[in-house]
Each structure stands twice: as structure tokens, then as C-alpha cells.
PDB file of N, CA and C in Angstrom:
ATOM      1  N   MET A   1      59.285 -37.289 119.820  1.00  0.00           N
ATOM      2  CA  MET A   1      59.479 -37.014 118.404  1.00  0.00           C
ATOM      3  C   MET A   1      59.888 -35.551 118.251  1.00  0.00           C
ATOM      4  N   LYS A   2      60.936 -35.323 117.501  1.00  0.00           N
ATOM      5  CA  LYS A   2      61.423 -33.970 117.258  1.00  0.00           C
ATOM      6  C   LYS A   2      60.538 -33.268 116.236  1.00  0.00           C
ATOM      7  N   LYS A   3      60.277 -31.992 116.461  1.00  0.00           N
ATOM      8  CA  LYS A   3      59.486 -31.201 115.517  1.00  0.00           C
ATOM      9  C   LYS A   3      60.327 -30.904 114.286  1.00  0.00           C
ATOM     10  N   ILE A   4      59.750 -31.064 113.116  1.00  0.00           N
ATOM     11  CA  ILE A   4      60.462 -30.818 111.857  1.00  0.00           C
ATOM     12  C   ILE A   4      59.982 -29.493 111.267  1.00  0.00           C
ATOM     13  N   ASN A   5      60.914 -28.754 110.667  1.00  0.00           N
ATOM     14  CA  ASN A   5      60.536 -27.492 110.040  1.00  0.00           C
ATOM     15  C   ASN A   5      60.831 -27.572 108.539  1.00  0.00           C
ATOM     16  N   TRP A   6      60.424 -26.515 107.834  1.00  0.00           N
ATOM     17  CA  TRP A   6      60.568 -26.520 106.365  1.00  0.00           C
ATOM     18  C   TRP A   6      62.023 -26.553 105.924  1.00  0.00           C
ATOM     19  N   ILE A   7      62.894 -25.949 106.683  1.00  0.00           N
ATOM     20  CA  ILE A   7      64.321 -25.973 106.337  1.00  0.00           C
ATOM     21  C   ILE A   7      64.829 -27.411 106.361  1.00  0.00           C
ATOM     22  N   GLN A   8      64.433 -28.157 107.370  1.00  0.00           N
ATOM     23  CA  GLN A   8      64.850 -29.563 107.460  1.00  0.00           C
ATOM     24  C   GLN A   8      64.253 -30.388 106.329  1.00  0.00           C
ATOM     25  N   ILE A   9      63.015 -30.110 105.963  1.00  0.00           N
ATOM     26  CA  ILE A   9      62.387 -30.827 104.846  1.00  0.00           C
ATOM     27  C   ILE A   9      63.153 -30.535 103.556  1.00  0.00           C
ATOM     28  N   ILE A  10      63.541 -29.287 103.359  1.00  0.00           N
ATOM     29  CA  ILE A  10      64.317 -28.926 102.165  1.00  0.00           C
ATOM     30  C   ILE A  10      65.665 -29.636 102.174  1.00  0.00           C
ATOM     31  N   LYS A  11      66.298 -29.719 103.346  1.00  0.00           N
ATOM     32  CA  LYS A  11      67.576 -30.435 103.452  1.00  0.00           C
ATOM     33  C   LYS A  11      67.397 -31.915 103.124  1.00  0.00           C
ATOM     34  N   ILE A  12      66.328 -32.516 103.642  1.00  0.00           N
ATOM     35  CA  ILE A  12      66.050 -33.929 103.346  1.00  0.00           C
ATOM     36  C   ILE A  12      65.897 -34.107 101.837  1.00  0.00           C
ATOM     37  N   GLN A  13      65.128 -33.236 101.213  1.00  0.00           N
ATOM     38  CA  GLN A  13      64.901 -33.359  99.771  1.00  0.00           C
ATOM     39  C   GLN A  13      66.177 -33.141  98.974  1.00  0.00           C
ATOM     40  N   ALA A  14      67.035 -32.241  99.429  1.00  0.00           N
ATOM     41  CA  ALA A  14      68.316 -32.020  98.745  1.00  0.00           C
ATOM     42  C   ALA A  14      69.183 -33.275  98.816  1.00  0.00           C
ATOM     43  N   ILE A  15      69.167 -33.935  99.967  1.00  0.00           N
ATOM     44  CA  ILE A  15      69.945 -35.166 100.116  1.00  0.00           C
ATOM     45  C   ILE A  15      69.357 -36.276  99.253  1.00  0.00           C
ATOM     46  N   ILE A  16      68.046 -36.362  99.201  1.00  0.00           N
ATOM     47  CA  ILE A  16      67.393 -37.366  98.362  1.00  0.00           C
ATOM     48  C   ILE A  16      67.636 -37.060  96.885  1.00  0.00           C
ATOM     49  N   PHE A  17      67.635 -35.799  96.530  1.00  0.00           N
ATOM     50  CA  PHE A  17      67.968 -35.379  95.169  1.00  0.00           C
ATOM     51  C   PHE A  17      69.377 -35.854  94.814  1.00  0.00           C
ATOM     52  N   LEU A  18      70.304 -35.655  95.729  1.00  0.00           N
ATOM     53  CA  LEU A  18      71.683 -36.130  95.516  1.00  0.00           C
ATOM     54  C   LEU A  18      71.690 -37.643  95.294  1.00  0.00           C
ATOM     55  N   TYR A  19      70.957 -38.362  96.117  1.00  0.00           N
ATOM     56  CA  TYR A  19      70.890 -39.819  95.993  1.00  0.00           C
ATOM     57  C   TYR A  19      70.284 -40.240  94.651  1.00  0.00           C
ATOM     58  N   SER A  20      69.335 -39.453  94.145  1.00  0.00           N
ATOM     59  CA  SER A  20      68.681 -39.800  92.879  1.00  0.00           C
ATOM     60  C   SER A  20      69.643 -39.751  91.697  1.00  0.00           C
ATOM     61  N   ILE A  21      70.733 -39.031  91.854  1.00  0.00           N
ATOM     62  CA  ILE A  21      71.732 -38.948  90.791  1.00  0.00           C
ATOM     63  C   ILE A  21      72.338 -40.327  90.522  1.00  0.00           C
ATOM     64  N   ILE A  22      72.332 -41.197  91.517  1.00  0.00           N
ATOM     65  CA  ILE A  22      72.841 -42.560  91.341  1.00  0.00           C
ATOM     66  C   ILE A  22      72.074 -43.281  90.240  1.00  0.00           C
ATOM     67  N   SER A  23      70.758 -43.088  90.187  1.00  0.00           N
ATOM     68  CA  SER A  23      69.975 -43.769  89.152  1.00  0.00           C
ATOM     69  C   SER A  23      70.342 -43.271  87.764  1.00  0.00           C
ATOM     70  N   ILE A  24      70.638 -41.990  87.646  1.00  0.00           N
ATOM     71  CA  ILE A  24      71.072 -41.437  86.353  1.00  0.00           C
ATOM     72  C   ILE A  24      72.395 -42.064  85.943  1.00  0.00           C
ATOM     73  N   LEU A  25      73.342 -42.052  86.875  1.00  0.00           N
ATOM     74  CA  LEU A  25      74.672 -42.594  86.573  1.00  0.00           C
ATOM     75  C   LEU A  25      74.602 -44.085  86.242  1.00  0.00           C
ATOM     76  N   SER A  26      73.747 -44.794  86.949  1.00  0.00           N
ATOM     77  CA  SER A  26      73.592 -46.222  86.693  1.00  0.00           C
ATOM     78  C   SER A  26      73.062 -46.481  85.288  1.00  0.00           C
ATOM     79  N   LYS A  27      72.068 -45.715  84.881  1.00  0.00           N
ATOM     80  CA  LYS A  27      71.503 -45.871  83.533  1.00  0.00           C
ATOM     81  C   LYS A  27      72.545 -45.518  82.471  1.00  0.00           C
ATOM     82  N   ILE A  28      73.313 -44.464  82.704  1.00  0.00           N
ATOM     83  CA  ILE A  28      74.364 -44.080  81.761  1.00  0.00           C
ATOM     84  C   ILE A  28      75.428 -45.171  81.685  1.00  0.00           C
ATOM     85  N   ALA A  29      75.829 -45.713  82.832  1.00  0.00           N
ATOM     86  CA  ALA A  29      76.846 -46.770  82.855  1.00  0.00           C
ATOM     87  C   ALA A  29      76.378 -47.990  82.077  1.00  0.00           C
ATOM     88  N   SER A  30      75.095 -48.296  82.161  1.00  0.00           N
ATOM     89  CA  SER A  30      74.582 -49.475  81.454  1.00  0.00           C
ATOM     90  C   SER A  30      74.718 -49.330  79.941  1.00  0.00           C
ATOM     91  N   SER A  31      74.694 -48.092  79.458  1.00  0.00           N
ATOM     92  CA  SER A  31      74.824 -47.894  78.014  1.00  0.00           C
ATOM     93  C   SER A  31      76.256 -48.124  77.519  1.00  0.00           C
ATOM     94  N   PHE A  32      77.221 -48.074  78.420  1.00  0.00           N
ATOM     95  CA  PHE A  32      78.620 -48.296  78.053  1.00  0.00           C
ATOM     96  C   PHE A  32      79.089 -49.721  78.343  1.00  0.00           C
ATOM     97  N   LEU A  33      78.240 -50.515  78.948  1.00  0.00           N
ATOM     98  CA  LEU A  33      78.643 -51.815  79.470  1.00  0.00           C
ATOM     99  C   LEU A  33      79.320 -52.711  78.448  1.00  0.00           C
ATOM    100  N   GLU A  34      78.806 -52.772  77.240  1.00  0.00           N
ATOM    101  CA  GLU A  34      79.373 -53.673  76.242  1.00  0.00           C
ATOM    102  C   GLU A  34      80.385 -52.983  75.332  1.00  0.00           C
ATOM    103  N   LYS A  35      80.503 -51.660  75.438  1.00  0.00           N
ATOM    104  CA  LYS A  35      81.373 -50.921  74.521  1.00  0.00           C
ATOM    105  C   LYS A  35      82.691 -50.511  75.161  1.00  0.00           C
ATOM    106  N   GLU A  36      82.595 -49.715  76.192  1.00  0.00           N
ATOM    107  CA  GLU A  36      83.789 -49.134  76.800  1.00  0.00           C
ATOM    108  C   GLU A  36      83.769 -49.367  78.301  1.00  0.00           C
ATOM    109  N   ILE A  37      84.397 -50.441  78.728  1.00  0.00           N
ATOM    110  CA  ILE A  37      84.377 -50.808  80.139  1.00  0.00           C
ATOM    111  C   ILE A  37      85.082 -49.768  81.004  1.00  0.00           C
ATOM    112  N   TRP A  38      86.063 -49.059  80.434  1.00  0.00           N
ATOM    113  CA  TRP A  38      86.753 -48.024  81.218  1.00  0.00           C
ATOM    114  C   TRP A  38      85.788 -46.900  81.594  1.00  0.00           C
ATOM    115  N   MET A  39      84.837 -46.605  80.722  1.00  0.00           N
ATOM    116  CA  MET A  39      83.855 -45.572  81.021  1.00  0.00           C
ATOM    117  C   MET A  39      82.928 -46.024  82.147  1.00  0.00           C
ATOM    118  N   VAL A  40      82.589 -47.286  82.149  1.00  0.00           N
ATOM    119  CA  VAL A  40      81.782 -47.844  83.232  1.00  0.00           C
ATOM    120  C   VAL A  40      82.520 -47.685  84.559  1.00  0.00           C
ATOM    121  N   MET A  41      83.817 -47.939  84.545  1.00  0.00           N
ATOM    122  CA  MET A  41      84.620 -47.817  85.768  1.00  0.00           C
ATOM    123  C   MET A  41      84.663 -46.367  86.261  1.00  0.00           C
ATOM    124  N   VAL A  42      84.780 -45.429  85.341  1.00  0.00           N
ATOM    125  CA  VAL A  42      84.779 -44.012  85.712  1.00  0.00           C
ATOM    126  C   VAL A  42      83.437 -43.639  86.340  1.00  0.00           C
ATOM    127  N   ILE A  43      82.363 -44.073  85.722  1.00  0.00           N
ATOM    128  CA  ILE A  43      81.025 -43.773  86.245  1.00  0.00           C
ATOM    129  C   ILE A  43      80.822 -44.430  87.608  1.00  0.00           C
ATOM    130  N   LEU A  44      81.320 -45.657  87.766  1.00  0.00           N
ATOM    131  CA  LEU A  44      81.217 -46.325  89.064  1.00  0.00           C
ATOM    132  C   LEU A  44      81.974 -45.559  90.146  1.00  0.00           C
ATOM    133  N   LEU A  45      83.112 -45.001  89.801  1.00  0.00           N
ATOM    134  CA  LEU A  45      83.872 -44.193  90.756  1.00  0.00           C
ATOM    135  C   LEU A  45      83.079 -42.940  91.145  1.00  0.00           C
ATOM    136  N   ILE A  46      82.474 -42.299  90.173  1.00  0.00           N
ATOM    137  CA  ILE A  46      81.640 -41.122  90.453  1.00  0.00           C
ATOM    138  C   ILE A  46      80.463 -41.518  91.340  1.00  0.00           C
ATOM    139  N   MET A  47      79.861 -42.675  91.048  1.00  0.00           N
ATOM    140  CA  MET A  47      78.748 -43.169  91.861  1.00  0.00           C
ATOM    141  C   MET A  47      79.189 -43.382  93.302  1.00  0.00           C
ATOM    142  N   LEU A  48      80.375 -43.927  93.476  1.00  0.00           N
ATOM    143  CA  LEU A  48      80.904 -44.159  94.822  1.00  0.00           C
ATOM    144  C   LEU A  48      81.072 -42.842  95.572  1.00  0.00           C
ATOM    145  N   ILE A  49      81.567 -41.828  94.896  1.00  0.00           N
ATOM    146  CA  ILE A  49      81.740 -40.510  95.519  1.00  0.00           C
ATOM    147  C   ILE A  49      80.390 -39.914  95.906  1.00  0.00           C
ATOM    148  N   VAL A  50      79.417 -40.025  94.999  1.00  0.00           N
ATOM    149  CA  VAL A  50      78.078 -39.501  95.291  1.00  0.00           C
ATOM    150  C   VAL A  50      77.460 -40.269  96.458  1.00  0.00           C
ATOM    151  N   LEU A  51      77.604 -41.580  96.467  1.00  0.00           N
ATOM    152  CA  LEU A  51      77.057 -42.390  97.569  1.00  0.00           C
ATOM    153  C   LEU A  51      77.710 -42.054  98.900  1.00  0.00           C
ATOM    154  N   ALA A  52      79.015 -41.851  98.895  1.00  0.00           N
ATOM    155  CA  ALA A  52      79.718 -41.491 100.128  1.00  0.00           C
ATOM    156  C   ALA A  52      79.234 -40.128 100.629  1.00  0.00           C
ATOM    157  N   SER A  53      79.048 -39.194  99.711  1.00  0.00           N
ATOM    158  CA  SER A  53      78.539 -37.862 100.087  1.00  0.00           C
ATOM    159  C   SER A  53      77.137 -37.983 100.662  1.00  0.00           C
ATOM    160  N   TYR A  54      76.314 -38.763  99.981  1.00  0.00           N
ATOM    161  CA  TYR A  54      74.940 -38.976 100.455  1.00  0.00           C
ATOM    162  C   TYR A  54      74.945 -39.587 101.860  1.00  0.00           C
ATOM    163  N   ALA A  55      75.745 -40.627 102.069  1.00  0.00           N
ATOM    164  CA  ALA A  55      75.778 -41.313 103.368  1.00  0.00           C
ATOM    165  C   ALA A  55      76.213 -40.362 104.481  1.00  0.00           C
ATOM    166  N   PHE A  56      77.223 -39.553 104.200  1.00  0.00           N
ATOM    167  CA  PHE A  56      77.704 -38.594 105.187  1.00  0.00           C
ATOM    168  C   PHE A  56      76.610 -37.587 105.541  1.00  0.00           C
ATOM    169  N   LEU A  57      75.978 -37.006 104.524  1.00  0.00           N
ATOM    170  CA  LEU A  57      74.933 -36.012 104.760  1.00  0.00           C
ATOM    171  C   LEU A  57      73.709 -36.618 105.437  1.00  0.00           C
ATOM    172  N   TRP A  58      73.373 -37.852 105.065  1.00  0.00           N
ATOM    173  CA  TRP A  58      72.222 -38.538 105.668  1.00  0.00           C
ATOM    174  C   TRP A  58      72.456 -38.756 107.160  1.00  0.00           C
ATOM    175  N   GLN A  59      73.672 -39.164 107.525  1.00  0.00           N
ATOM    176  CA  GLN A  59      73.988 -39.377 108.937  1.00  0.00           C
ATOM    177  C   GLN A  59      73.918 -38.073 109.724  1.00  0.00           C
ATOM    178  N   LYS A  60      74.399 -36.990 109.136  1.00  0.00           N
ATOM    179  CA  LYS A  60      74.311 -35.686 109.804  1.00  0.00           C
ATOM    180  C   LYS A  60      72.855 -35.275 109.994  1.00  0.00           C
ATOM    181  N   LEU A  61      72.045 -35.550 108.987  1.00  0.00           N
ATOM    182  CA  LEU A  61      70.627 -35.207 109.051  1.00  0.00           C
ATOM    183  C   LEU A  61      69.930 -35.979 110.172  1.00  0.00           C
ATOM    184  N   LEU A  62      70.267 -37.251 110.306  1.00  0.00           N
ATOM    185  CA  LEU A  62      69.596 -38.091 111.305  1.00  0.00           C
ATOM    186  C   LEU A  62      69.889 -37.652 112.736  1.00  0.00           C
ATOM    187  N   LYS A  63      70.916 -36.842 112.939  1.00  0.00           N
ATOM    188  CA  LYS A  63      71.167 -36.284 114.274  1.00  0.00           C
ATOM    189  C   LYS A  63      70.075 -35.289 114.653  1.00  0.00           C
ATOM    190  N   LYS A  64      69.461 -34.660 113.650  1.00  0.00           N
ATOM    191  CA  LYS A  64      68.505 -33.587 113.899  1.00  0.00           C
ATOM    192  C   LYS A  64      67.058 -33.956 113.600  1.00  0.00           C
ATOM    193  N   VAL A  65      66.855 -35.029 112.838  1.00  0.00           N
ATOM    194  CA  VAL A  65      65.510 -35.411 112.403  1.00  0.00           C
ATOM    195  C   VAL A  65      65.275 -36.871 112.769  1.00  0.00           C
ATOM    196  N   ASP A  66      64.079 -37.164 113.232  1.00  0.00           N
ATOM    197  CA  ASP A  66      63.732 -38.560 113.536  1.00  0.00           C
ATOM    198  C   ASP A  66      63.826 -39.417 112.275  1.00  0.00           C
ATOM    199  N   LEU A  67      64.280 -40.637 112.453  1.00  0.00           N
ATOM    200  CA  LEU A  67      64.418 -41.565 111.327  1.00  0.00           C
ATOM    201  C   LEU A  67      63.074 -41.793 110.647  1.00  0.00           C
ATOM    202  N   SER A  68      62.013 -41.902 111.429  1.00  0.00           N
ATOM    203  CA  SER A  68      60.688 -42.160 110.836  1.00  0.00           C
ATOM    204  C   SER A  68      60.276 -41.037 109.887  1.00  0.00           C
ATOM    205  N   ILE A  69      60.631 -39.813 110.205  1.00  0.00           N
ATOM    206  CA  ILE A  69      60.298 -38.676 109.343  1.00  0.00           C
ATOM    207  C   ILE A  69      61.229 -38.647 108.137  1.00  0.00           C
ATOM    208  N   ALA A  70      62.514 -38.777 108.379  1.00  0.00           N
ATOM    209  CA  ALA A  70      63.496 -38.718 107.288  1.00  0.00           C
ATOM    210  C   ALA A  70      63.235 -39.835 106.280  1.00  0.00           C
ATOM    211  N   TYR A  71      62.990 -41.031 106.783  1.00  0.00           N
ATOM    212  CA  TYR A  71      62.844 -42.178 105.889  1.00  0.00           C
ATOM    213  C   TYR A  71      61.584 -42.079 105.042  1.00  0.00           C
ATOM    214  N   VAL A  72      60.508 -41.587 105.610  1.00  0.00           N
ATOM    215  CA  VAL A  72      59.269 -41.478 104.830  1.00  0.00           C
ATOM    216  C   VAL A  72      59.463 -40.492 103.674  1.00  0.00           C
ATOM    217  N   ASN A  73      60.321 -39.509 103.860  1.00  0.00           N
ATOM    218  CA  ASN A  73      60.597 -38.543 102.799  1.00  0.00           C
ATOM    219  C   ASN A  73      61.395 -39.161 101.657  1.00  0.00           C
ATOM    220  N   LYS A  74      61.992 -40.325 101.876  1.00  0.00           N
ATOM    221  CA  LYS A  74      62.714 -40.994 100.796  1.00  0.00           C
ATOM    222  C   LYS A  74      61.780 -41.420  99.666  1.00  0.00           C
ATOM    223  N   GLY A  75      60.482 -41.419  99.936  1.00  0.00           N
ATOM    224  CA  GLY A  75      59.510 -41.726  98.895  1.00  0.00           C
ATOM    225  C   GLY A  75      59.599 -40.750  97.726  1.00  0.00           C
ATOM    226  N   MET A  76      60.146 -39.579  97.981  1.00  0.00           N
ATOM    227  CA  MET A  76      60.307 -38.591  96.911  1.00  0.00           C
ATOM    228  C   MET A  76      61.353 -39.031  95.899  1.00  0.00           C
ATOM    229  N   LEU A  77      62.110 -40.046  96.222  1.00  0.00           N
ATOM    230  CA  LEU A  77      63.081 -40.594  95.258  1.00  0.00           C
ATOM    231  C   LEU A  77      62.355 -41.045  93.988  1.00  0.00           C
ATOM    232  N   LEU A  78      61.155 -41.561  94.138  1.00  0.00           N
ATOM    233  CA  LEU A  78      60.357 -41.956  92.972  1.00  0.00           C
ATOM    234  C   LEU A  78      60.044 -40.753  92.094  1.00  0.00           C
ATOM    235  N   PHE A  79      59.728 -39.636  92.731  1.00  0.00           N
ATOM    236  CA  PHE A  79      59.448 -38.406  91.985  1.00  0.00           C
ATOM    237  C   PHE A  79      60.675 -37.974  91.192  1.00  0.00           C
ATOM    238  N   TRP A  80      61.825 -37.916  91.861  1.00  0.00           N
ATOM    239  CA  TRP A  80      63.044 -37.484  91.174  1.00  0.00           C
ATOM    240  C   TRP A  80      63.405 -38.446  90.053  1.00  0.00           C
ATOM    241  N   SER A  81      63.260 -39.735  90.287  1.00  0.00           N
ATOM    242  CA  SER A  81      63.569 -40.718  89.245  1.00  0.00           C
ATOM    243  C   SER A  81      62.658 -40.540  88.035  1.00  0.00           C
ATOM    244  N   MET A  82      61.392 -40.238  88.291  1.00  0.00           N
ATOM    245  CA  MET A  82      60.465 -40.020  87.196  1.00  0.00           C
ATOM    246  C   MET A  82      60.845 -38.754  86.413  1.00  0.00           C
ATOM    247  N   ILE A  83      61.222 -37.721  87.120  1.00  0.00           N
ATOM    248  CA  ILE A  83      61.653 -36.488  86.452  1.00  0.00           C
ATOM    249  C   ILE A  83      62.880 -36.764  85.588  1.00  0.00           C
ATOM    250  N   TRP A  84      63.875 -37.456  86.145  1.00  0.00           N
ATOM    251  CA  TRP A  84      65.093 -37.779  85.380  1.00  0.00           C
ATOM    252  C   TRP A  84      64.765 -38.608  84.151  1.00  0.00           C
ATOM    253  N   SER A  85      63.877 -39.584  84.314  1.00  0.00           N
ATOM    254  CA  SER A  85      63.571 -40.453  83.176  1.00  0.00           C
ATOM    255  C   SER A  85      62.971 -39.675  82.012  1.00  0.00           C
ATOM    256  N   VAL A  86      62.181 -38.661  82.314  1.00  0.00           N
ATOM    257  CA  VAL A  86      61.567 -37.846  81.264  1.00  0.00           C
ATOM    258  C   VAL A  86      62.560 -36.828  80.712  1.00  0.00           C
ATOM    259  N   VAL A  87      63.199 -36.085  81.589  1.00  0.00           N
ATOM    260  CA  VAL A  87      64.054 -34.973  81.168  1.00  0.00           C
ATOM    261  C   VAL A  87      65.334 -35.448  80.488  1.00  0.00           C
ATOM    262  N   ILE A  88      65.990 -36.422  81.060  1.00  0.00           N
ATOM    263  CA  ILE A  88      67.295 -36.847  80.538  1.00  0.00           C
ATOM    264  C   ILE A  88      67.180 -37.959  79.510  1.00  0.00           C
ATOM    265  N   PHE A  89      66.333 -38.951  79.805  1.00  0.00           N
ATOM    266  CA  PHE A  89      66.283 -40.141  78.951  1.00  0.00           C
ATOM    267  C   PHE A  89      65.087 -40.174  78.006  1.00  0.00           C
ATOM    268  N   ARG A  90      64.264 -39.149  78.052  1.00  0.00           N
ATOM    269  CA  ARG A  90      63.113 -39.028  77.148  1.00  0.00           C
ATOM    270  C   ARG A  90      62.161 -40.224  77.240  1.00  0.00           C
ATOM    271  N   GLU A  91      62.055 -40.782  78.429  1.00  0.00           N
ATOM    272  CA  GLU A  91      61.126 -41.883  78.642  1.00  0.00           C
ATOM    273  C   GLU A  91      59.733 -41.320  78.900  1.00  0.00           C
ATOM    274  N   GLU A  92      58.738 -42.148  78.720  1.00  0.00           N
ATOM    275  CA  GLU A  92      57.363 -41.708  78.925  1.00  0.00           C
ATOM    276  C   GLU A  92      56.874 -42.129  80.305  1.00  0.00           C
ATOM    277  N   ILE A  93      56.033 -41.276  80.882  1.00  0.00           N
ATOM    278  CA  ILE A  93      55.383 -41.636  82.132  1.00  0.00           C
ATOM    279  C   ILE A  93      53.888 -41.753  81.866  1.00  0.00           C
ATOM    280  N   THR A  94      53.249 -42.571  82.647  1.00  0.00           N
ATOM    281  CA  THR A  94      51.818 -42.797  82.467  1.00  0.00           C
ATOM    282  C   THR A  94      51.037 -42.024  83.518  1.00  0.00           C
ATOM    283  N   ILE A  95      49.749 -41.966  83.315  1.00  0.00           N
ATOM    284  CA  ILE A  95      48.874 -41.308  84.284  1.00  0.00           C
ATOM    285  C   ILE A  95      48.937 -42.036  85.624  1.00  0.00           C
ATOM    286  N   LEU A  96      49.114 -43.361  85.587  1.00  0.00           N
ATOM    287  CA  LEU A  96      49.233 -44.121  86.836  1.00  0.00           C
ATOM    288  C   LEU A  96      50.521 -43.766  87.573  1.00  0.00           C
ATOM    289  N   ASN A  97      51.607 -43.511  86.833  1.00  0.00           N
ATOM    290  CA  ASN A  97      52.849 -43.047  87.466  1.00  0.00           C
ATOM    291  C   ASN A  97      52.597 -41.735  88.206  1.00  0.00           C
ATOM    292  N   ILE A  98      51.883 -40.845  87.554  1.00  0.00           N
ATOM    293  CA  ILE A  98      51.608 -39.531  88.140  1.00  0.00           C
ATOM    294  C   ILE A  98      50.699 -39.666  89.360  1.00  0.00           C
ATOM    295  N   ILE A  99      49.647 -40.463  89.242  1.00  0.00           N
ATOM    296  CA  ILE A  99      48.728 -40.664  90.367  1.00  0.00           C
ATOM    297  C   ILE A  99      49.460 -41.281  91.549  1.00  0.00           C
ATOM    298  N   GLY A 100      50.271 -42.294  91.289  1.00  0.00           N
ATOM    299  CA  GLY A 100      51.041 -42.935  92.361  1.00  0.00           C
ATOM    300  C   GLY A 100      51.983 -41.969  93.048  1.00  0.00           C
ATOM    301  N   THR A 101      52.629 -41.131  92.273  1.00  0.00           N
ATOM    302  CA  THR A 101      53.553 -40.151  92.845  1.00  0.00           C
ATOM    303  C   THR A 101      52.801 -39.122  93.683  1.00  0.00           C
ATOM    304  N   ILE A 102      51.630 -38.711  93.225  1.00  0.00           N
ATOM    305  CA  ILE A 102      50.815 -37.763  93.995  1.00  0.00           C
ATOM    306  C   ILE A 102      50.394 -38.381  95.327  1.00  0.00           C
ATOM    307  N   ILE A 103      49.995 -39.645  95.298  1.00  0.00           N
ATOM    308  CA  ILE A 103      49.602 -40.335  96.534  1.00  0.00           C
ATOM    309  C   ILE A 103      50.779 -40.379  97.509  1.00  0.00           C
ATOM    310  N   ILE A 104      51.962 -40.694  97.006  1.00  0.00           N
ATOM    311  CA  ILE A 104      53.156 -40.731  97.857  1.00  0.00           C
ATOM    312  C   ILE A 104      53.441 -39.342  98.419  1.00  0.00           C
ATOM    313  N   PHE A 105      53.365 -38.314  97.564  1.00  0.00           N
ATOM    314  CA  PHE A 105      53.623 -36.947  98.000  1.00  0.00           C
ATOM    315  C   PHE A 105      52.644 -36.524  99.099  1.00  0.00           C
ATOM    316  N   VAL A 106      51.357 -36.841  98.912  1.00  0.00           N
ATOM    317  CA  VAL A 106      50.353 -36.492  99.923  1.00  0.00           C
ATOM    318  C   VAL A 106      50.670 -37.219 101.232  1.00  0.00           C
ATOM    319  N   GLY A 107      51.052 -38.482 101.152  1.00  0.00           N
ATOM    320  CA  GLY A 107      51.412 -39.231 102.354  1.00  0.00           C
ATOM    321  C   GLY A 107      52.607 -38.604 103.075  1.00  0.00           C
ATOM    322  N   ILE A 108      53.582 -38.177 102.329  1.00  0.00           N
ATOM    323  CA  ILE A 108      54.754 -37.527 102.916  1.00  0.00           C
ATOM    324  C   ILE A 108      54.341 -36.230 103.614  1.00  0.00           C
ATOM    325  N   MET A 109      53.477 -35.461 102.969  1.00  0.00           N
ATOM    326  CA  MET A 109      53.020 -34.210 103.568  1.00  0.00           C
ATOM    327  C   MET A 109      52.242 -34.478 104.873  1.00  0.00           C
ATOM    328  N   VAL A 110      51.417 -35.513 104.881  1.00  0.00           N
ATOM    329  CA  VAL A 110      50.668 -35.861 106.086  1.00  0.00           C
ATOM    330  C   VAL A 110      51.620 -36.216 107.230  1.00  0.00           C
ATOM    331  N   VAL A 111      52.603 -37.028 106.948  1.00  0.00           N
ATOM    332  CA  VAL A 111      53.564 -37.423 107.971  1.00  0.00           C
ATOM    333  C   VAL A 111      54.351 -36.208 108.459  1.00  0.00           C
ATOM    334  N   ASN A 112      54.787 -35.345 107.539  1.00  0.00           N
ATOM    335  CA  ASN A 112      55.555 -34.171 107.929  1.00  0.00           C
ATOM    336  C   ASN A 112      54.720 -33.189 108.758  1.00  0.00           C
ATOM    337  N   GLU A 113      53.448 -33.049 108.428  1.00  0.00           N
ATOM    338  CA  GLU A 113      52.591 -32.123 109.177  1.00  0.00           C
ATOM    339  C   GLU A 113      52.293 -32.650 110.570  1.00  0.00           C
ATOM    340  N   ASN A 114      52.250 -33.961 110.727  1.00  0.00           N
ATOM    341  CA  ASN A 114      51.949 -34.554 112.037  1.00  0.00           C
ATOM    342  C   ASN A 114      53.181 -34.649 112.917  1.00  0.00           C
ATOM    343  N   ALA A 115      54.334 -34.348 112.373  1.00  0.00           N
ATOM    344  CA  ALA A 115      55.575 -34.453 113.159  1.00  0.00           C
ATOM    345  C   ALA A 115      55.799 -33.195 113.959  1.00  0.00           C
TER     346      ALA A 115
END
């Protein structure tokens, strides 16, 4: 198992942050679905570009970080999605959402520290 450092963890989180943008774009596209299909197509094209960027960066990352470590960090996608839902879409989060996210975060930290 390769040793992971904080720089690599930050890179993993940056890539996951990039991936989380897909959920924002998807929610925005859904609001145009019945009104302006051309806007949905534009958003889908942007999503494709973001996904291609994510896939490229993820593959580069996996050359340097074990898959088991990188993949467990994908749990932070829930955190980013929750942040987006509150900040951009003004949705509410519950105490259970927060507790669940904390549990996931602690699990990620445990795995990263043991690597």
C-alpha cells in the first residue's frame, strides 16, 4: 500500500469537488426540461466536459494513490452535494444529514491515517 500525504488528499478532494459539479448541473438541467430543451442540451454538453475532465484527473490520481484510499474519499461527494443543496438551491438539511456526513468524514480520516 502506498503512503498517502496531505497533498494527495487535497488533490483527491479537488477532483471529487469537480465531480460534485455534475449534481449541480443535473439539477439545473432538470429545471429546463419542459421549457427549453436547447438549454438542457447545452448543460449536458458542459456535464460531458466536466465528466471527461474528472475521468482524466481521476486516472492520473490512481497512478499515485491506491484505489482503496482514493475510492473511500469519494464519500466526501455527499458532503459537497449537501453544501451545494444549501448554498445554491436553498434546500434544508437535517441533523441526521449532518450526523451521517460526520460519520463518513471520520471514516475517511481513519482510512487515510492508516494508509
